Amino acid sequence: MYQRTLTPVKLLLTLIFTISTAFVTPATIAQDLSYLPQSEVHYLQVDDQQYPALLRSWQGTKKLGLAIIVPQLGLGADAAGFTAYLRRQLNSAGWATLAITPPLKPGMPNYATKAEDVANAGEQQLSEQSTRAMPVFTEEQLSLNLEQQQSFLISSMAQLDSLGKQYQGKRILICNGDSAALVIELLKDKKLPMPDMLALINPYSDIPSRNQALPTNLAELTIPVLDIQSRDGTAASLATQQSRITLMPQNQPYRYHQYKMSLDLLHKEGWSNGSKLIEGFAQRINKAYPNG
């Protein structure tokens, strides 16, 4: 069988193309929501662009309030996984659901070498030790990225009152992954409307300093918090699991509860258990603070 052999230059160009396309995130691709009922699909306007917000009514006789769902950074409002399951499952438990498009993740920098420079000797320009990974972004870039994400989320959340006003009752905010860290910090700084309850799913930040500060920021919140930690969560979320418990006020059962479980995409029974856990948490808080 004939086997084609690539020249070094073609091989390099192929490698560059493969690497660059590997970093395309779902957020960089237009979301096709044509499979959803038109009544569910609404849009929030941020920086002169429109982003989907998916609203589903409560079902049955229970009418407890509105669950606002923030998926992980860079995903769509209905990205497959636990949050998409919650968006549909909580309605029968008396919660209208409103899933928003989270802030984008910054695109990965693309380092390409010109074909004519491949054979040339390089110059020593690296400042990091050989035992440490090169940082992806500079401190200035990290700060700008974070500022843009915070601004996006603040602008989006400010529009939710009018969109969900027909669903009176409690407000529960459900955040997943790195979105959770962003929300915790904004709530701590009083830059977002304070919900009645907060549910976290594997909270973490990709920025080590902010991930380290996450438990302290969380401890400053005075609202009831359900903290779901998956055994297969990211290393960053697992790294703060114990400190999130330690820093919380003790002997306050309605203030904070952490629960460990499996939420792997391959274990959908875990999604069902997680949904019931959130439903039960909300029910306990409603009973404890019916007018709060």
Protein backbone atom coordinates (compact mmCIF):
# COMPACT_ATOMS: atom_id res chain seq x y z
CA MET A 1 0.00 0.00 0.00
CA TYR A 2 1.28 3.44 -0.92
CA GLN A 3 2.12 5.54 2.15
CA ARG A 4 2.64 9.27 1.77
CA THR A 5 5.61 10.79 3.56
CA LEU A 6 5.36 14.44 4.59
CA THR A 7 8.29 16.77 4.14
CA PRO A 8 9.54 18.47 7.37
CA VAL A 9 7.89 21.77 6.38
CA LYS A 10 4.53 20.13 5.59
CA LEU A 11 4.75 18.11 8.77
CA LEU A 12 5.31 21.28 10.79
CA LEU A 13 2.38 23.07 9.15
CA THR A 14 0.15 20.05 9.79
CA LEU A 15 1.20 20.02 13.44
CA ILE A 16 0.51 23.76 13.84
CA PHE A 17 -2.94 23.35 12.30
CA THR A 18 -3.74 20.38 14.56
CA ILE A 19 -2.66 22.23 17.70
CA SER A 20 -4.57 25.40 16.83
CA THR A 21 -7.82 23.55 16.09
CA ALA A 22 -7.48 21.48 19.27
CA PHE A 23 -7.98 24.60 21.36
CA VAL A 24 -11.27 25.63 19.75
CA THR A 25 -13.78 25.64 22.61
CA PRO A 26 -17.56 25.16 22.28
CA ALA A 27 -17.96 28.85 23.13
CA THR A 28 -16.22 29.86 19.90
CA ILE A 29 -18.83 27.97 17.85
CA ALA A 30 -22.33 29.38 17.27
CA GLN A 31 -24.88 27.54 19.38
CA ASP A 32 -27.53 25.71 17.39
CA LEU A 33 -30.63 25.69 19.60
CA SER A 34 -33.13 24.78 16.88
CA TYR A 35 -33.88 21.52 18.70
CA LEU A 36 -35.42 23.46 21.61
CA PRO A 37 -38.96 24.88 21.76
CA GLN A 38 -38.90 28.52 20.71
CA SER A 39 -40.65 29.47 23.95
CA GLU A 40 -37.57 28.41 25.92
CA VAL A 41 -35.01 30.42 23.98
CA HIS A 42 -34.44 34.02 25.04
CA TYR A 43 -31.43 36.29 24.63
CA LEU A 44 -29.40 38.57 26.86
CA GLN A 45 -27.49 41.45 25.33
CA VAL A 46 -23.89 41.95 26.44
CA ASP A 47 -21.51 44.34 24.64
CA ASP A 48 -23.87 44.67 21.66
CA GLN A 49 -24.03 40.90 21.17
CA GLN A 50 -26.81 38.47 22.04
CA TYR A 51 -26.28 35.33 24.11
CA PRO A 52 -28.88 32.59 24.72
CA ALA A 53 -30.69 32.27 28.04
CA LEU A 54 -32.95 29.23 28.32
CA LEU A 55 -36.11 29.54 30.42
CA ARG A 56 -38.32 26.59 31.37
CA SER A 57 -41.48 26.91 33.44
CA TRP A 58 -42.20 24.95 36.60
CA GLN A 59 -44.44 21.92 36.17
CA GLY A 60 -47.21 20.57 38.35
CA THR A 61 -48.73 22.25 41.39
CA LYS A 62 -45.49 23.19 43.16
CA LYS A 63 -44.31 26.73 42.48
CA LEU A 64 -41.25 27.37 44.62
CA GLY A 65 -39.26 29.90 42.60
CA LEU A 66 -36.53 30.21 40.00
CA ALA A 67 -33.30 28.21 39.69
CA ILE A 68 -30.62 30.18 37.81
CA ILE A 69 -28.02 27.88 36.26
CA VAL A 70 -24.51 28.97 35.26
CA PRO A 71 -22.60 26.23 33.35
CA GLN A 72 -18.81 26.05 33.25
CA LEU A 73 -16.93 28.86 31.53
CA GLY A 74 -16.78 28.53 27.79
CA LEU A 75 -19.77 26.20 27.44
CA GLY A 76 -23.23 26.84 26.05
CA ALA A 77 -26.39 27.40 28.05
CA ASP A 78 -27.53 23.85 27.24
CA ALA A 79 -24.14 22.11 27.09
CA ALA A 80 -24.50 18.37 27.66
CA GLY A 81 -23.93 17.24 31.23
CA PHE A 82 -25.26 17.65 34.73
CA THR A 83 -26.38 21.28 34.39
CA ALA A 84 -28.40 20.51 31.24
CA TYR A 85 -30.02 17.65 33.16
CA LEU A 86 -30.86 19.97 36.05
CA ARG A 87 -32.35 22.52 33.65
CA ARG A 88 -34.99 19.97 32.68
CA GLN A 89 -35.31 17.96 35.89
CA LEU A 90 -35.93 20.67 38.48
CA ASN A 91 -39.14 21.85 36.79
CA SER A 92 -41.16 18.92 38.15
CA ALA A 93 -39.89 19.74 41.65
CA GLY A 94 -41.47 23.20 41.52
CA TRP A 95 -38.61 25.25 40.12
CA ALA A 96 -38.62 27.25 36.93
CA THR A 97 -35.11 27.08 35.46
CA LEU A 98 -33.12 29.78 33.71
CA ALA A 99 -29.78 28.69 32.24
CA ILE A 100 -27.53 31.46 30.97
CA THR A 101 -24.55 31.46 28.64
CA PRO A 102 -21.46 31.74 30.88
CA PRO A 103 -18.46 33.96 30.10
CA LEU A 104 -16.03 32.70 27.49
CA LYS A 105 -12.72 31.16 28.31
CA PRO A 106 -9.80 33.05 26.76
CA GLY A 107 -8.44 31.41 23.65
CA MET A 108 -5.17 29.58 24.12
CA PRO A 109 -2.16 31.44 22.69
CA ASN A 110 -0.91 29.90 19.47
CA TYR A 111 2.87 29.69 19.17
CA ALA A 112 3.90 29.06 15.55
CA THR A 113 7.36 28.93 14.01
CA LYS A 114 7.93 30.07 10.44
CA ALA A 115 8.93 27.25 8.13
CA GLU A 116 12.24 28.92 7.23
CA ASP A 117 13.17 29.20 10.92
CA VAL A 118 12.78 25.52 11.77
CA ALA A 119 16.40 24.64 11.08
CA ASN A 120 17.81 27.75 12.76
CA ALA A 121 19.31 27.70 16.21
CA GLY A 122 17.15 29.31 18.87
CA GLU A 123 18.05 31.99 21.38
CA GLN A 124 17.77 31.50 25.12
CA GLN A 125 14.70 33.53 26.04
CA LEU A 126 13.03 31.40 28.72
CA SER A 127 12.94 32.76 32.25
CA GLU A 128 11.29 29.78 33.95
CA GLN A 129 13.23 26.91 35.46
CA SER A 130 13.28 23.70 33.45
CA THR A 131 11.27 21.92 36.16
CA ARG A 132 8.35 24.36 35.92
CA ALA A 133 5.76 24.72 33.19
CA MET A 134 5.74 27.92 31.20
CA PRO A 135 2.80 30.16 32.19
CA VAL A 136 0.09 30.34 29.53
CA PHE A 137 -0.78 33.97 30.26
CA THR A 138 1.05 36.87 31.84
CA GLU A 139 -0.30 38.45 35.03
CA GLU A 140 -1.61 41.37 32.97
CA GLN A 141 -3.41 39.02 30.60
CA LEU A 142 -4.91 37.05 33.49
CA SER A 143 -6.17 40.24 35.09
CA LEU A 144 -7.74 41.43 31.81
CA ASN A 145 -9.35 38.04 31.15
CA LEU A 146 -10.83 37.97 34.65
CA GLU A 147 -12.12 41.52 34.36
CA GLN A 148 -13.85 40.68 31.07
CA GLN A 149 -15.44 37.54 32.53
CA GLN A 150 -16.68 39.40 35.59
CA SER A 151 -18.13 42.21 33.46
CA PHE A 152 -19.89 39.69 31.22
CA LEU A 153 -21.47 37.88 34.18
CA ILE A 154 -22.51 41.08 35.96
CA SER A 155 -24.20 42.37 32.81
CA SER A 156 -25.95 39.04 32.16
CA MET A 157 -27.23 38.61 35.72
CA ALA A 158 -28.55 42.18 35.83
CA GLN A 159 -31.04 41.27 33.08
CA LEU A 160 -32.51 38.19 34.78
CA ASP A 161 -35.03 39.95 37.02
CA SER A 162 -37.15 41.04 34.08
CA LEU A 163 -36.76 37.69 32.30
CA GLY A 164 -37.81 35.60 35.30
CA LYS A 165 -40.19 38.02 37.03
CA GLN A 166 -43.25 35.84 36.39
CA TYR A 167 -41.74 33.11 38.57
CA GLN A 168 -42.15 34.42 42.08
CA GLY A 169 -40.59 32.72 45.09
CA LYS A 170 -37.06 31.83 46.16
CA ARG A 171 -34.00 32.24 43.96
CA ILE A 172 -31.44 29.46 43.92
CA LEU A 173 -28.20 30.00 42.03
CA ILE A 174 -26.52 26.83 40.69
CA CYS A 175 -22.93 27.20 39.45
CA ASN A 176 -20.65 24.60 37.92
CA GLY A 177 -16.86 24.32 37.91
CA ASP A 178 -14.83 27.45 37.20
CA SER A 179 -18.00 29.55 36.89
CA ALA A 180 -18.60 28.83 40.58
CA ALA A 181 -15.33 30.47 41.63
CA LEU A 182 -16.18 33.55 39.60
CA VAL A 183 -19.68 33.77 41.10
CA ILE A 184 -18.44 33.27 44.67
CA GLU A 185 -16.00 36.16 44.35
CA LEU A 186 -18.60 38.47 42.80
CA LEU A 187 -21.16 37.62 45.49
CA LYS A 188 -18.56 38.22 48.19
CA ASP A 189 -17.83 41.65 46.69
CA LYS A 190 -21.59 42.35 46.40
CA LYS A 191 -21.37 42.78 42.63
CA LEU A 192 -24.16 40.30 41.90
CA PRO A 193 -27.73 40.15 43.26
CA MET A 194 -27.70 37.87 46.31
CA PRO A 195 -29.76 34.68 45.82
CA ASP A 196 -31.65 32.94 48.61
CA MET A 197 -29.54 29.81 48.17
CA LEU A 198 -26.33 28.83 46.40
CA ALA A 199 -25.51 25.39 45.01
CA LEU A 200 -21.94 24.72 43.87
CA ILE A 201 -20.71 21.84 41.71
CA ASN A 202 -16.97 21.13 41.88
CA PRO A 203 -16.00 24.80 42.39
CA TYR A 204 -12.51 25.80 41.29
CA SER A 205 -10.43 28.42 39.53
CA ASP A 206 -7.72 27.85 36.93
CA ILE A 207 -5.75 30.69 38.52
CA PRO A 208 -3.86 29.16 41.50
CA SER A 209 -4.03 32.28 43.69
CA ARG A 210 -7.78 32.60 43.17
CA ASN A 211 -8.34 28.91 43.69
CA GLN A 212 -6.51 29.19 46.99
CA ALA A 213 -8.72 32.13 47.99
CA LEU A 214 -11.95 30.34 47.04
CA PRO A 215 -12.65 28.77 50.51
CA THR A 216 -12.08 32.12 52.24
CA ASN A 217 -14.37 33.92 49.79
CA LEU A 218 -17.01 31.24 50.24
CA ALA A 219 -16.85 31.50 54.04
CA GLU A 220 -17.71 35.21 53.84
CA LEU A 221 -21.11 34.49 52.27
CA THR A 222 -24.02 34.37 54.71
CA ILE A 223 -26.55 32.60 52.48
CA PRO A 224 -27.22 28.83 52.65
CA VAL A 225 -24.69 26.91 50.52
CA LEU A 226 -24.81 23.38 49.14
CA ASP A 227 -21.34 22.29 48.02
CA ILE A 228 -21.35 19.20 45.76
CA GLN A 229 -17.91 17.68 45.27
CA SER A 230 -17.57 14.93 42.69
CA ARG A 231 -14.94 12.28 43.34
CA ASP A 232 -13.86 12.70 39.72
CA GLY A 233 -13.80 16.51 39.89
CA THR A 234 -10.80 18.55 38.80
CA ALA A 235 -7.62 18.47 40.86
CA ALA A 236 -8.18 22.15 41.65
CA SER A 237 -11.64 21.55 43.14
CA LEU A 238 -10.42 18.53 45.11
CA ALA A 239 -7.49 20.58 46.44
CA THR A 240 -9.81 22.97 48.31
CA GLN A 241 -12.43 20.43 49.36
CA GLN A 242 -11.33 20.10 52.99
CA SER A 243 -10.56 23.79 53.50
CA ARG A 244 -14.04 24.69 52.22
CA ILE A 245 -15.45 22.68 55.13
CA THR A 246 -12.91 23.84 57.70
CA LEU A 247 -13.45 27.57 57.13
CA MET A 248 -17.23 27.39 57.34
CA PRO A 249 -19.07 28.28 60.58
CA GLN A 250 -19.65 25.18 62.70
CA ASN A 251 -22.96 23.92 64.11
CA GLN A 252 -25.01 25.78 61.52
CA PRO A 253 -26.73 23.02 59.52
CA TYR A 254 -28.66 25.43 57.31
CA ARG A 255 -25.57 27.51 56.54
CA TYR A 256 -23.35 25.05 54.69
CA HIS A 257 -23.38 21.41 53.65
CA GLN A 258 -20.84 19.57 51.52
CA TYR A 259 -21.72 16.31 49.82
CA LYS A 260 -19.43 13.94 47.92
CA MET A 261 -20.75 11.98 44.96
CA SER A 262 -20.02 10.91 41.40
CA LEU A 263 -21.22 13.12 38.56
CA ASP A 264 -19.27 11.49 35.72
CA LEU A 265 -20.88 11.68 32.28
CA LEU A 266 -20.81 7.88 32.30
CA HIS A 267 -22.86 7.67 35.49
CA LYS A 268 -26.20 9.34 34.83
CA GLU A 269 -27.61 7.83 37.99
CA GLY A 270 -25.29 10.30 39.73
CA TRP A 271 -27.14 13.13 37.98
CA SER A 272 -30.42 11.89 39.41
CA ASN A 273 -28.95 11.71 42.90
CA GLY A 274 -27.47 15.18 42.49
CA SER A 275 -30.79 16.62 41.38
CA LYS A 276 -32.56 15.08 44.38
CA LEU A 277 -29.84 16.46 46.62
CA ILE A 278 -30.44 20.01 45.34
CA GLU A 279 -34.21 19.56 45.61
CA GLY A 280 -33.91 18.38 49.21
CA PHE A 281 -31.53 21.19 50.11
CA ALA A 282 -33.92 23.79 48.70
CA GLN A 283 -36.86 22.22 50.50
CA ARG A 284 -35.04 22.31 53.86
CA ILE A 285 -34.11 25.95 53.41
CA ASN A 286 -37.67 26.84 52.38
CA LYS A 287 -39.02 25.23 55.53
CA ALA A 288 -36.40 26.85 57.76
CA TYR A 289 -36.81 30.31 56.20
CA PRO A 290 -40.29 30.42 54.62
CA ASN A 291 -40.32 34.22 54.53
CA GLY A 292 -36.59 34.78 54.15
